[in-house]
Amino acid sequence: MQAPFFGSYSDGRTTVDAALAKAYKSTSASNETRWHRLEFDRLANLARAELDVAKRKELYGICQHMICDDGGALIPVFMDHIEAGTDRIRGWKPSALYGLMGQRIGERVWFA
């Protein structure tokens, strides 16, 4: 928590809401950039409560544009989650939880 540097320790499973709330909301103790925008907080809160998927996506998009235009972070790299396979593998499906089918590949995949 020493300005101007900060780190990200995401495992790649976070939701948009969790990522924005943790890193950028004014009330977050993890807001290491100390970027505070009440309008961002308001829109992020509206997005969190929005049940309409399209409207929620629009609100989170506005929040992300605010960060892009005025945010306090310089992000030099992004973690890349890549999985590869072969047509000899059966049962594999993409998963939003970690890699390797949510780390359950051994239970759900077999060789043809």
Protein backbone atom coordinates (compact mmCIF):
# COMPACT_ATOMS: atom_id res chain seq x y z
CA MET A 1 0.00 0.00 0.00
CA GLN A 2 2.81 2.39 -0.83
CA ALA A 3 1.93 4.97 -3.49
CA PRO A 4 2.53 5.11 -6.38
CA PHE A 5 2.94 1.33 -6.78
CA PHE A 6 0.51 -1.48 -6.15
CA GLY A 7 0.07 -5.11 -7.01
CA SER A 8 -2.70 -7.40 -8.15
CA TYR A 9 -3.03 -10.89 -6.84
CA SER A 10 -6.14 -11.98 -8.69
CA ASP A 11 -6.51 -15.64 -9.48
CA GLY A 12 -8.55 -14.79 -12.57
CA ARG A 13 -11.90 -15.80 -11.06
CA THR A 14 -13.18 -12.46 -9.90
CA THR A 15 -16.35 -10.84 -11.20
CA VAL A 16 -16.38 -7.39 -12.77
CA ASP A 17 -18.15 -6.08 -9.69
CA ALA A 18 -15.59 -7.56 -7.29
CA ALA A 19 -12.63 -6.29 -9.32
CA LEU A 20 -13.97 -2.75 -9.58
CA ALA A 21 -15.15 -2.61 -5.98
CA LYS A 22 -11.84 -3.85 -4.60
CA ALA A 23 -9.50 -1.72 -6.66
CA TYR A 24 -11.39 1.49 -7.42
CA LYS A 25 -14.33 2.25 -5.12
CA SER A 26 -13.68 5.10 -2.70
CA THR A 27 -14.70 2.98 0.27
CA SER A 28 -12.29 0.12 -0.48
CA ALA A 29 -9.30 -0.37 1.80
CA SER A 30 -7.62 -2.05 -1.20
CA ASN A 31 -7.89 1.04 -3.42
CA GLU A 32 -4.13 1.39 -3.67
CA THR A 33 -4.23 4.16 -6.27
CA ARG A 34 -6.35 6.26 -3.92
CA TRP A 35 -8.53 7.18 -6.89
CA HIS A 36 -11.84 8.51 -5.52
CA ARG A 37 -14.76 9.44 -7.74
CA LEU A 38 -18.22 9.61 -6.18
CA GLU A 39 -19.86 9.25 -9.60
CA PHE A 40 -17.92 6.03 -10.17
CA ASP A 41 -19.05 4.71 -6.78
CA ARG A 42 -22.65 5.61 -7.58
CA LEU A 43 -22.59 3.90 -10.99
CA ALA A 44 -20.81 0.81 -9.64
CA ASN A 45 -23.46 0.50 -6.92
CA LEU A 46 -26.24 0.87 -9.50
CA ALA A 47 -24.62 -1.80 -11.68
CA ARG A 48 -24.32 -4.21 -8.75
CA ALA A 49 -28.05 -3.90 -8.04
CA GLU A 50 -29.19 -3.96 -11.70
CA LEU A 51 -31.05 -7.13 -12.71
CA ASP A 52 -31.20 -6.35 -16.42
CA VAL A 53 -28.03 -7.89 -17.89
CA ALA A 54 -27.75 -5.39 -20.77
CA LYS A 55 -28.19 -2.39 -18.47
CA ARG A 56 -25.69 -3.83 -15.95
CA LYS A 57 -23.17 -4.36 -18.76
CA GLU A 58 -23.68 -0.76 -19.89
CA LEU A 59 -23.16 0.60 -16.36
CA TYR A 60 -19.98 -1.45 -15.81
CA GLY A 61 -18.79 -0.25 -19.22
CA ILE A 62 -19.22 3.36 -18.15
CA CYS A 63 -17.29 2.60 -14.95
CA GLN A 64 -14.47 1.04 -16.92
CA HIS A 65 -14.32 4.03 -19.27
CA MET A 66 -14.04 6.32 -16.25
CA ILE A 67 -11.07 4.30 -15.01
CA CYS A 68 -9.50 4.32 -18.48
CA ASP A 69 -9.93 8.08 -18.89
CA ASP A 70 -9.11 9.21 -15.36
CA GLY A 71 -8.05 6.23 -13.23
CA GLY A 72 -4.97 6.04 -11.11
CA ALA A 73 -3.46 2.77 -12.37
CA LEU A 74 -0.80 1.95 -14.91
CA ILE A 75 -1.18 -1.72 -15.80
CA PRO A 76 1.94 -2.99 -17.59
CA VAL A 77 0.88 -6.64 -17.97
CA PHE A 78 -2.20 -8.84 -17.77
CA MET A 79 -2.28 -12.44 -16.60
CA ASP A 80 -3.05 -14.78 -19.47
CA HIS A 81 -5.11 -17.91 -18.93
CA ILE A 82 -4.63 -20.24 -21.88
CA GLU A 83 -5.69 -23.87 -22.13
CA ALA A 84 -4.98 -26.18 -25.04
CA GLY A 85 -6.10 -29.67 -25.94
CA THR A 86 -6.41 -32.22 -28.68
CA ASP A 87 -9.28 -33.94 -30.46
CA ARG A 88 -8.26 -37.12 -28.60
CA ILE A 89 -9.62 -35.63 -25.37
CA ARG A 90 -13.28 -36.09 -24.46
CA GLY A 91 -15.38 -34.32 -21.85
CA TRP A 92 -13.42 -31.05 -21.76
CA LYS A 93 -15.42 -27.83 -21.46
CA PRO A 94 -14.27 -24.29 -20.71
CA SER A 95 -14.66 -23.14 -17.12
CA ALA A 96 -14.74 -19.70 -15.53
CA LEU A 97 -13.28 -21.16 -12.33
CA TYR A 98 -9.50 -21.40 -12.49
CA GLY A 99 -7.89 -23.33 -15.33
CA LEU A 100 -8.23 -26.98 -16.20
CA MET A 101 -12.02 -27.04 -15.81
CA GLY A 102 -11.99 -25.46 -12.39
CA GLN A 103 -9.10 -27.73 -11.40
CA ARG A 104 -11.39 -30.76 -11.80
CA ILE A 105 -10.07 -31.96 -15.14
CA GLY A 106 -8.99 -35.32 -13.73
CA GLU A 107 -12.56 -36.10 -12.74
CA ARG A 108 -14.26 -35.06 -15.97
CA VAL A 109 -11.94 -35.69 -18.90
CA TRP A 110 -10.81 -38.89 -20.63
CA PHE A 111 -8.78 -39.96 -23.66
CA ALA A 112 -10.70 -41.18 -26.72
